Amino acid sequence: MFKPINPRVILNSGAALSIQASSTHYCLPQEDQGPYTHYELGHPRGLGAPDLALLKEYEDSEGIYVYVPKEVLEKIINRHKGFRVGQLP
């Protein structure tokens, strides 16, 4: 279940999403300290069809993206020219 700990990030394109990682999230390692190799994402706004296609296989029945590999997330972040507000947990 989605329990936000980290503030919502905003990318330079204006896209925004929640990127979470902790012992209560669908991430790896599922601990309160990283480094993390997989993340839980939620509530994306402003991502394009190519981004959503990359995330589709990680979507659960509640619309949360679980165990998203860092490489996939970095591809999306780079496509949107990095962070305007926030960072990876």
PDB file of N, CA and C in Angstrom:
ATOM      1  N   MET A   1       0.841  -1.181   0.000  1.00  0.00           N
ATOM      2  CA  MET A   1       0.000   0.000   0.000  1.00  0.00           C
ATOM      3  C   MET A   1       0.882   1.238   0.000  1.00  0.00           C
ATOM      4  N   PHE A   2       0.472   2.244  -0.739  1.00  0.00           N
ATOM      5  CA  PHE A   2       1.232   3.473  -0.924  1.00  0.00           C
ATOM      6  C   PHE A   2       1.219   4.313   0.352  1.00  0.00           C
ATOM      7  N   LYS A   3       2.394   4.496   0.937  1.00  0.00           N
ATOM      8  CA  LYS A   3       2.551   5.345   2.114  1.00  0.00           C
ATOM      9  C   LYS A   3       3.682   6.313   1.829  1.00  0.00           C
ATOM     10  N   PRO A   4       3.381   7.529   1.368  1.00  0.00           N
ATOM     11  CA  PRO A   4       4.442   8.451   0.996  1.00  0.00           C
ATOM     12  C   PRO A   4       5.297   8.871   2.184  1.00  0.00           C
ATOM     13  N   ILE A   5       6.584   8.882   1.941  1.00  0.00           N
ATOM     14  CA  ILE A   5       7.544   9.374   2.920  1.00  0.00           C
ATOM     15  C   ILE A   5       8.313  10.531   2.296  1.00  0.00           C
ATOM     16  N   ASN A   6       8.677  10.363   1.036  1.00  0.00           N
ATOM     17  CA  ASN A   6       9.442  11.379   0.321  1.00  0.00           C
ATOM     18  C   ASN A   6       8.492  12.341  -0.394  1.00  0.00           C
ATOM     19  N   PRO A   7       8.816  13.619  -0.413  1.00  0.00           N
ATOM     20  CA  PRO A   7       7.971  14.581  -1.123  1.00  0.00           C
ATOM     21  C   PRO A   7       7.882  14.246  -2.620  1.00  0.00           C
ATOM     22  N   ARG A   8       6.780  14.611  -3.226  1.00  0.00           N
ATOM     23  CA  ARG A   8       6.568  14.451  -4.657  1.00  0.00           C
ATOM     24  C   ARG A   8       7.683  15.185  -5.409  1.00  0.00           C
ATOM     25  N   VAL A   9       8.201  14.568  -6.472  1.00  0.00           N
ATOM     26  CA  VAL A   9       9.234  15.223  -7.271  1.00  0.00           C
ATOM     27  C   VAL A   9       8.606  15.877  -8.494  1.00  0.00           C
ATOM     28  N   ILE A  10       9.225  16.938  -8.929  1.00  0.00           N
ATOM     29  CA  ILE A  10       8.816  17.620 -10.153  1.00  0.00           C
ATOM     30  C   ILE A  10      10.024  17.617 -11.075  1.00  0.00           C
ATOM     31  N   LEU A  11       9.813  17.150 -12.288  1.00  0.00           N
ATOM     32  CA  LEU A  11      10.894  17.105 -13.270  1.00  0.00           C
ATOM     33  C   LEU A  11      10.938  18.417 -14.038  1.00  0.00           C
ATOM     34  N   ASN A  12      12.029  18.686 -14.713  1.00  0.00           N
ATOM     35  CA  ASN A  12      12.193  19.956 -15.428  1.00  0.00           C
ATOM     36  C   ASN A  12      11.163  20.166 -16.530  1.00  0.00           C
ATOM     37  N   SER A  13      10.558  19.107 -17.018  1.00  0.00           N
ATOM     38  CA  SER A  13       9.504  19.230 -18.031  1.00  0.00           C
ATOM     39  C   SER A  13       8.169  19.648 -17.427  1.00  0.00           C
ATOM     40  N   GLY A  14       8.086  19.612 -16.093  1.00  0.00           N
ATOM     41  CA  GLY A  14       6.828  19.884 -15.408  1.00  0.00           C
ATOM     42  C   GLY A  14       6.110  18.611 -14.973  1.00  0.00           C
ATOM     43  N   ALA A  15       6.539  17.463 -15.465  1.00  0.00           N
ATOM     44  CA  ALA A  15       5.964  16.189 -15.029  1.00  0.00           C
ATOM     45  C   ALA A  15       6.257  16.005 -13.549  1.00  0.00           C
ATOM     46  N   ALA A  16       5.357  15.308 -12.853  1.00  0.00           N
ATOM     47  CA  ALA A  16       5.528  15.095 -11.415  1.00  0.00           C
ATOM     48  C   ALA A  16       5.103  13.675 -11.055  1.00  0.00           C
ATOM     49  N   LEU A  17       5.732  13.127 -10.025  1.00  0.00           N
ATOM     50  CA  LEU A  17       5.367  11.803  -9.541  1.00  0.00           C
ATOM     51  C   LEU A  17       5.943  11.593  -8.153  1.00  0.00           C
ATOM     52  N   SER A  18       5.425  10.591  -7.496  1.00  0.00           N
ATOM     53  CA  SER A  18       5.931  10.191  -6.198  1.00  0.00           C
ATOM     54  C   SER A  18       6.937   9.068  -6.420  1.00  0.00           C
ATOM     55  N   ILE A  19       8.118   9.186  -5.840  1.00  0.00           N
ATOM     56  CA  ILE A  19       9.149   8.147  -5.901  1.00  0.00           C
ATOM     57  C   ILE A  19       9.448   7.767  -4.459  1.00  0.00           C
ATOM     58  N   GLN A  20       9.122   6.526  -4.107  1.00  0.00           N
ATOM     59  CA  GLN A  20       9.254   6.082  -2.730  1.00  0.00           C
ATOM     60  C   GLN A  20      10.171   4.874  -2.604  1.00  0.00           C
ATOM     61  N   ALA A  21      10.846   4.773  -1.475  1.00  0.00           N
ATOM     62  CA  ALA A  21      11.672   3.611  -1.150  1.00  0.00           C
ATOM     63  C   ALA A  21      11.874   3.586   0.365  1.00  0.00           C
ATOM     64  N   SER A  22      11.441   2.498   0.991  1.00  0.00           N
ATOM     65  CA  SER A  22      11.619   2.303   2.424  1.00  0.00           C
ATOM     66  C   SER A  22      11.176   0.882   2.760  1.00  0.00           C
ATOM     67  N   SER A  23      11.193   0.543   4.027  1.00  0.00           N
ATOM     68  CA  SER A  23      10.768  -0.794   4.443  1.00  0.00           C
ATOM     69  C   SER A  23       9.277  -1.017   4.234  1.00  0.00           C
ATOM     70  N   THR A  24       8.514   0.043   3.986  1.00  0.00           N
ATOM     71  CA  THR A  24       7.069  -0.100   3.786  1.00  0.00           C
ATOM     72  C   THR A  24       6.653   0.060   2.324  1.00  0.00           C
ATOM     73  N   HIS A  25       7.611   0.117   1.408  1.00  0.00           N
ATOM     74  CA  HIS A  25       7.308   0.305  -0.009  1.00  0.00           C
ATOM     75  C   HIS A  25       7.774  -0.889  -0.833  1.00  0.00           C
ATOM     76  N   TYR A  26       7.258  -0.944  -2.064  1.00  0.00           N
ATOM     77  CA  TYR A  26       7.646  -1.991  -3.013  1.00  0.00           C
ATOM     78  C   TYR A  26       8.930  -1.559  -3.710  1.00  0.00           C
ATOM     79  N   CYS A  27      10.049  -1.759  -3.035  1.00  0.00           N
ATOM     80  CA  CYS A  27      11.357  -1.351  -3.535  1.00  0.00           C
ATOM     81  C   CYS A  27      12.367  -2.435  -3.161  1.00  0.00           C
ATOM     82  N   LEU A  28      13.561  -2.306  -3.695  1.00  0.00           N
ATOM     83  CA  LEU A  28      14.652  -3.216  -3.325  1.00  0.00           C
ATOM     84  C   LEU A  28      15.896  -2.393  -3.061  1.00  0.00           C
ATOM     85  N   PRO A  29      16.588  -2.616  -1.970  1.00  0.00           N
ATOM     86  CA  PRO A  29      16.164  -3.488  -0.885  1.00  0.00           C
ATOM     87  C   PRO A  29      14.988  -2.856  -0.156  1.00  0.00           C
ATOM     88  N   GLN A  30      14.175  -3.665   0.458  1.00  0.00           N
ATOM     89  CA  GLN A  30      12.998  -3.159   1.162  1.00  0.00           C
ATOM     90  C   GLN A  30      13.413  -2.822   2.593  1.00  0.00           C
ATOM     91  N   GLU A  31      14.203  -1.764   2.677  1.00  0.00           N
ATOM     92  CA  GLU A  31      14.784  -1.287   3.933  1.00  0.00           C
ATOM     93  C   GLU A  31      14.647   0.227   3.986  1.00  0.00           C
ATOM     94  N   ASP A  32      14.946   0.792   5.140  1.00  0.00           N
ATOM     95  CA  ASP A  32      14.811   2.237   5.299  1.00  0.00           C
ATOM     96  C   ASP A  32      16.013   3.028   4.807  1.00  0.00           C
ATOM     97  N   GLN A  33      17.081   2.328   4.399  1.00  0.00           N
ATOM     98  CA  GLN A  33      18.242   3.005   3.823  1.00  0.00           C
ATOM     99  C   GLN A  33      18.695   2.277   2.579  1.00  0.00           C
ATOM    100  N   GLY A  34      19.089   3.044   1.556  1.00  0.00           N
ATOM    101  CA  GLY A  34      19.574   2.477   0.312  1.00  0.00           C
ATOM    102  C   GLY A  34      21.041   2.169   0.401  1.00  0.00           C
ATOM    103  N   PRO A  35      21.694   2.070  -0.704  1.00  0.00           N
ATOM    104  CA  PRO A  35      21.197   2.472  -2.020  1.00  0.00           C
ATOM    105  C   PRO A  35      20.145   1.493  -2.550  1.00  0.00           C
ATOM    106  N   TYR A  36      19.203   2.043  -3.322  1.00  0.00           N
ATOM    107  CA  TYR A  36      18.093   1.272  -3.864  1.00  0.00           C
ATOM    108  C   TYR A  36      18.340   0.926  -5.328  1.00  0.00           C
ATOM    109  N   THR A  37      17.888  -0.246  -5.703  1.00  0.00           N
ATOM    110  CA  THR A  37      17.970  -0.685  -7.100  1.00  0.00           C
ATOM    111  C   THR A  37      16.611  -0.652  -7.780  1.00  0.00           C
ATOM    112  N   HIS A  38      15.518  -0.638  -6.981  1.00  0.00           N
ATOM    113  CA  HIS A  38      14.147  -0.633  -7.491  1.00  0.00           C
ATOM    114  C   HIS A  38      13.310   0.285  -6.600  1.00  0.00           C
ATOM    115  N   TYR A  39      12.337   0.964  -7.209  1.00  0.00           N
ATOM    116  CA  TYR A  39      11.541   1.965  -6.507  1.00  0.00           C
ATOM    117  C   TYR A  39      10.051   1.728  -6.694  1.00  0.00           C
ATOM    118  N   GLU A  40       9.273   2.340  -5.811  1.00  0.00           N
ATOM    119  CA  GLU A  40       7.817   2.381  -5.952  1.00  0.00           C
ATOM    120  C   GLU A  40       7.452   3.778  -6.450  1.00  0.00           C
ATOM    121  N   LEU A  41       6.657   3.832  -7.516  1.00  0.00           N
ATOM    122  CA  LEU A  41       6.226   5.113  -8.082  1.00  0.00           C
ATOM    123  C   LEU A  41       4.717   5.229  -7.984  1.00  0.00           C
ATOM    124  N   GLY A  42       4.257   6.453  -7.842  1.00  0.00           N
ATOM    125  CA  GLY A  42       2.819   6.654  -7.776  1.00  0.00           C
ATOM    126  C   GLY A  42       2.403   7.995  -8.323  1.00  0.00           C
ATOM    127  N   HIS A  43       1.162   8.049  -8.729  1.00  0.00           N
ATOM    128  CA  HIS A  43       0.481   9.270  -9.122  1.00  0.00           C
ATOM    129  C   HIS A  43       1.253  10.135 -10.124  1.00  0.00           C
ATOM    130  N   PRO A  44       1.687   9.531 -11.236  1.00  0.00           N
ATOM    131  CA  PRO A  44       2.409  10.332 -12.231  1.00  0.00           C
ATOM    132  C   PRO A  44       1.478  11.334 -12.911  1.00  0.00           C
ATOM    133  N   ARG A  45       1.995  12.505 -13.157  1.00  0.00           N
ATOM    134  CA  ARG A  45       1.264  13.547 -13.880  1.00  0.00           C
ATOM    135  C   ARG A  45       2.209  14.125 -14.921  1.00  0.00           C
ATOM    136  N   GLY A  46       1.779  14.162 -16.153  1.00  0.00           N
ATOM    137  CA  GLY A  46       2.575  14.791 -17.190  1.00  0.00           C
ATOM    138  C   GLY A  46       3.583  13.885 -17.863  1.00  0.00           C
ATOM    139  N   LEU A  47       3.559  12.593 -17.559  1.00  0.00           N
ATOM    140  CA  LEU A  47       4.436  11.661 -18.268  1.00  0.00           C
ATOM    141  C   LEU A  47       3.807  11.348 -19.619  1.00  0.00           C
ATOM    142  N   GLY A  48       4.628  11.177 -20.624  1.00  0.00           N
ATOM    143  CA  GLY A  48       4.121  10.877 -21.955  1.00  0.00           C
ATOM    144  C   GLY A  48       3.898   9.394 -22.168  1.00  0.00           C
ATOM    145  N   ALA A  49       3.331   9.063 -23.314  1.00  0.00           N
ATOM    146  CA  ALA A  49       3.054   7.670 -23.669  1.00  0.00           C
ATOM    147  C   ALA A  49       4.305   6.797 -23.630  1.00  0.00           C
ATOM    148  N   PRO A  50       5.474   7.281 -24.101  1.00  0.00           N
ATOM    149  CA  PRO A  50       6.676   6.432 -24.021  1.00  0.00           C
ATOM    150  C   PRO A  50       7.055   6.094 -22.570  1.00  0.00           C
ATOM    151  N   ASP A  51       6.873   7.047 -21.660  1.00  0.00           N
ATOM    152  CA  ASP A  51       7.185   6.810 -20.252  1.00  0.00           C
ATOM    153  C   ASP A  51       6.226   5.788 -19.657  1.00  0.00           C
ATOM    154  N   LEU A  52       4.942   5.975 -19.925  1.00  0.00           N
ATOM    155  CA  LEU A  52       3.936   5.062 -19.387  1.00  0.00           C
ATOM    156  C   LEU A  52       4.097   3.661 -19.965  1.00  0.00           C
ATOM    157  N   ALA A  53       4.565   3.568 -21.214  1.00  0.00           N
ATOM    158  CA  ALA A  53       4.826   2.253 -21.812  1.00  0.00           C
ATOM    159  C   ALA A  53       5.967   1.557 -21.075  1.00  0.00           C
ATOM    160  N   LEU A  54       6.997   2.314 -20.692  1.00  0.00           N
ATOM    161  CA  LEU A  54       8.110   1.734 -19.926  1.00  0.00           C
ATOM    162  C   LEU A  54       7.639   1.228 -18.557  1.00  0.00           C
ATOM    163  N   LEU A  55       6.669   1.901 -17.981  1.00  0.00           N
ATOM    164  CA  LEU A  55       6.205   1.568 -16.636  1.00  0.00           C
ATOM    165  C   LEU A  55       5.110   0.505 -16.606  1.00  0.00           C
ATOM    166  N   LYS A  56       4.464   0.261 -17.731  1.00  0.00           N
ATOM    167  CA  LYS A  56       3.278  -0.600 -17.769  1.00  0.00           C
ATOM    168  C   LYS A  56       3.474  -1.948 -17.081  1.00  0.00           C
ATOM    169  N   GLU A  57       4.576  -2.610 -17.306  1.00  0.00           N
ATOM    170  CA  GLU A  57       4.775  -3.941 -16.728  1.00  0.00           C
ATOM    171  C   GLU A  57       4.931  -3.919 -15.203  1.00  0.00           C
ATOM    172  N   TYR A  58       5.128  -2.748 -14.625  1.00  0.00           N
ATOM    173  CA  TYR A  58       5.314  -2.635 -13.180  1.00  0.00           C
ATOM    174  C   TYR A  58       4.052  -2.147 -12.463  1.00  0.00           C
ATOM    175  N   GLU A  59       2.981  -1.877 -13.204  1.00  0.00           N
ATOM    176  CA  GLU A  59       1.765  -1.334 -12.611  1.00  0.00           C
ATOM    177  C   GLU A  59       0.985  -2.421 -11.881  1.00  0.00           C
ATOM    178  N   ASP A  60       0.564  -2.113 -10.660  1.00  0.00           N
ATOM    179  CA  ASP A  60      -0.256  -3.078  -9.925  1.00  0.00           C
ATOM    180  C   ASP A  60      -1.725  -2.705 -10.070  1.00  0.00           C
ATOM    181  N   SER A  61      -2.589  -3.443  -9.425  1.00  0.00           N
ATOM    182  CA  SER A  61      -4.034  -3.242  -9.583  1.00  0.00           C
ATOM    183  C   SER A  61      -4.526  -1.935  -8.979  1.00  0.00           C
ATOM    184  N   GLU A  62      -3.712  -1.289  -8.154  1.00  0.00           N
ATOM    185  CA  GLU A  62      -4.110  -0.017  -7.540  1.00  0.00           C
ATOM    186  C   GLU A  62      -3.526   1.189  -8.253  1.00  0.00           C
ATOM    187  N   GLY A  63      -2.876   0.964  -9.399  1.00  0.00           N
ATOM    188  CA  GLY A  63      -2.309   2.069 -10.158  1.00  0.00           C
ATOM    189  C   GLY A  63      -0.977   2.563  -9.638  1.00  0.00           C
ATOM    190  N   ILE A  64      -0.345   1.778  -8.794  1.00  0.00           N
ATOM    191  CA  ILE A  64       0.981   2.093  -8.293  1.00  0.00           C
ATOM    192  C   ILE A  64       1.975   1.262  -9.100  1.00  0.00           C
ATOM    193  N   TYR A  65       3.139   1.814  -9.352  1.00  0.00           N
ATOM    194  CA  TYR A  65       4.176   1.100 -10.097  1.00  0.00           C
ATOM    195  C   TYR A  65       5.176   0.545  -9.083  1.00  0.00           C
ATOM    196  N   VAL A  66       5.314  -0.777  -9.048  1.00  0.00           N
ATOM    197  CA  VAL A  66       6.095  -1.438  -8.010  1.00  0.00           C
ATOM    198  C   VAL A  66       7.379  -2.046  -8.565  1.00  0.00           C
ATOM    199  N   TYR A  67       8.405  -2.026  -7.746  1.00  0.00           N
ATOM    200  CA  TYR A  67       9.713  -2.597  -8.094  1.00  0.00           C
ATOM    201  C   TYR A  67      10.216  -2.111  -9.462  1.00  0.00           C
ATOM    202  N   VAL A  68      10.123  -0.804  -9.678  1.00  0.00           N
ATOM    203  CA  VAL A  68      10.602  -0.210 -10.933  1.00  0.00           C
ATOM    204  C   VAL A  68      12.130  -0.129 -10.856  1.00  0.00           C
ATOM    205  N   PRO A  69      12.819  -0.765 -11.805  1.00  0.00           N
ATOM    206  CA  PRO A  69      14.288  -0.725 -11.780  1.00  0.00           C
ATOM    207  C   PRO A  69      14.818   0.710 -11.898  1.00  0.00           C
ATOM    208  N   LYS A  70      15.895   0.968 -11.214  1.00  0.00           N
ATOM    209  CA  LYS A  70      16.518   2.291 -11.231  1.00  0.00           C
ATOM    210  C   LYS A  70      16.830   2.733 -12.660  1.00  0.00           C
ATOM    211  N   GLU A  71      17.256   1.808 -13.513  1.00  0.00           N
ATOM    212  CA  GLU A  71      17.591   2.151 -14.899  1.00  0.00           C
ATOM    213  C   GLU A  71      16.377   2.681 -15.663  1.00  0.00           C
ATOM    214  N   VAL A  72      15.211   2.087 -15.422  1.00  0.00           N
ATOM    215  CA  VAL A  72      13.978   2.546 -16.075  1.00  0.00           C
ATOM    216  C   VAL A  72      13.628   3.935 -15.569  1.00  0.00           C
ATOM    217  N   LEU A  73      13.691   4.125 -14.270  1.00  0.00           N
ATOM    218  CA  LEU A  73      13.384   5.424 -13.672  1.00  0.00           C
ATOM    219  C   LEU A  73      14.349   6.500 -14.164  1.00  0.00           C
ATOM    220  N   GLU A  74      15.628   6.174 -14.232  1.00  0.00           N
ATOM    221  CA  GLU A  74      16.613   7.147 -14.725  1.00  0.00           C
ATOM    222  C   GLU A  74      16.364   7.512 -16.178  1.00  0.00           C
ATOM    223  N   LYS A  75      15.915   6.568 -16.981  1.00  0.00           N
ATOM    224  CA  LYS A  75      15.590   6.851 -18.385  1.00  0.00           C
ATOM    225  C   LYS A  75      14.464   7.887 -18.463  1.00  0.00           C
ATOM    226  N   ILE A  76      13.465   7.730 -17.626  1.00  0.00           N
ATOM    227  CA  ILE A  76      12.345   8.678 -17.600  1.00  0.00           C
ATOM    228  C   ILE A  76      12.814  10.037 -17.094  1.00  0.00           C
ATOM    229  N   ILE A  77      13.583  10.048 -16.019  1.00  0.00           N
ATOM    230  CA  ILE A  77      14.089  11.315 -15.462  1.00  0.00           C
ATOM    231  C   ILE A  77      14.939  12.044 -16.496  1.00  0.00           C
ATOM    232  N   ASN A  78      15.812  11.330 -17.171  1.00  0.00           N
ATOM    233  CA  ASN A  78      16.660  11.954 -18.196  1.00  0.00           C
ATOM    234  C   ASN A  78      15.846  12.482 -19.369  1.00  0.00           C
ATOM    235  N   ARG A  79      14.803  11.771 -19.760  1.00  0.00           N
ATOM    236  CA  ARG A  79      13.935  12.213 -20.851  1.00  0.00           C
ATOM    237  C   ARG A  79      13.272  13.545 -20.502  1.00  0.00           C
ATOM    238  N   HIS A  80      13.061  13.773 -19.211  1.00  0.00           N
ATOM    239  CA  HIS A  80      12.418  15.006 -18.750  1.00  0.00           C
ATOM    240  C   HIS A  80      13.436  16.024 -18.235  1.00  0.00           C
ATOM    241  N   LYS A  81      14.712  15.806 -18.574  1.00  0.00           N
ATOM    242  CA  LYS A  81      15.805  16.752 -18.295  1.00  0.00           C
ATOM    243  C   LYS A  81      16.113  16.927 -16.817  1.00  0.00           C
ATOM    244  N   GLY A  82      15.889  15.882 -16.014  1.00  0.00           N
ATOM    245  CA  GLY A  82      16.294  15.913 -14.612  1.00  0.00           C
ATOM    246  C   GLY A  82      15.246  16.499 -13.683  1.00  0.00           C
ATOM    247  N   PHE A  83      15.672  16.702 -12.445  1.00  0.00           N
ATOM    248  CA  PHE A  83      14.784  17.178 -11.384  1.00  0.00           C
ATOM    249  C   PHE A  83      14.748  18.693 -11.315  1.00  0.00           C
ATOM    250  N   ARG A  84      13.550  19.234 -11.194  1.00  0.00           N
ATOM    251  CA  ARG A  84      13.378  20.645 -10.847  1.00  0.00           C
ATOM    252  C   ARG A  84      13.274  20.741  -9.326  1.00  0.00           C
ATOM    253  N   VAL A  85      12.490  19.819  -8.746  1.00  0.00           N
ATOM    254  CA  VAL A  85      12.300  19.769  -7.294  1.00  0.00           C
ATOM    255  C   VAL A  85      12.391  18.313  -6.863  1.00  0.00           C
ATOM    256  N   GLY A  86      13.233  18.029  -5.880  1.00  0.00           N
ATOM    257  CA  GLY A  86      13.326  16.683  -5.327  1.00  0.00           C
ATOM    258  C   GLY A  86      14.503  15.895  -5.861  1.00  0.00           C
ATOM    259  N   GLN A  87      14.553  14.631  -5.468  1.00  0.00           N
ATOM    260  CA  GLN A  87      15.630  13.736  -5.852  1.00  0.00           C
ATOM    261  C   GLN A  87      15.217  12.305  -5.563  1.00  0.00           C
ATOM    262  N   LEU A  88      16.035  11.355  -5.978  1.00  0.00           N
ATOM    263  CA  LEU A  88      15.772   9.956  -5.644  1.00  0.00           C
ATOM    264  C   LEU A  88      16.021   9.724  -4.165  1.00  0.00           C
ATOM    265  N   PRO A  89      15.174   8.896  -3.547  1.00  0.00           N
ATOM    266  CA  PRO A  89      15.427   8.547  -2.141  1.00  0.00           C
ATOM    267  C   PRO A  89      16.726   7.754  -2.025  1.00  0.00           C
TER     268      PRO A  89
END
